[in-house]
Amino acid sequence: MAMILILMIQFGKERCNVN
């Protein structure tokens, strides 16, 4: 379960970085 949370956080961070 934690893995999913980490993946979601990483994905969001990457999207923010793209900005």
C-alpha atoms as a PDB file:
ATOM      1  CA  MET A   1       0.000   0.000   0.000  1.00  0.00           C
ATOM      2  CA  ALA A   2       2.786   2.394   0.911  1.00  0.00           C
ATOM      3  CA  MET A   3       4.391   1.741  -2.479  1.00  0.00           C
ATOM      4  CA  ILE A   4       1.306   3.143  -4.214  1.00  0.00           C
ATOM      5  CA  LEU A   5       1.453   6.289  -2.069  1.00  0.00           C
ATOM      6  CA  ILE A   6       5.148   6.774  -2.854  1.00  0.00           C
ATOM      7  CA  LEU A   7       4.487   6.316  -6.566  1.00  0.00           C
ATOM      8  CA  MET A   8       1.650   8.846  -6.463  1.00  0.00           C
ATOM      9  CA  ILE A   9       3.836  11.373  -4.627  1.00  0.00           C
ATOM     10  CA  GLN A  10       6.696  10.857  -7.088  1.00  0.00           C
ATOM     11  CA  PHE A  11       4.306  11.272 -10.031  1.00  0.00           C
ATOM     12  CA  GLY A  12       2.931  14.513  -8.595  1.00  0.00           C
ATOM     13  CA  LYS A  13       6.436  15.805  -7.940  1.00  0.00           C
ATOM     14  CA  GLU A  14       7.461  15.039 -11.516  1.00  0.00           C
ATOM     15  CA  ARG A  15       4.389  16.861 -12.848  1.00  0.00           C
ATOM     16  CA  CYS A  16       5.240  19.882 -10.693  1.00  0.00           C
ATOM     17  CA  ASN A  17       8.838  19.781 -11.952  1.00  0.00           C
ATOM     18  CA  VAL A  18       7.614  19.732 -15.565  1.00  0.00           C
ATOM     19  CA  ASN A  19       5.979  23.083 -14.860  1.00  0.00           C
END
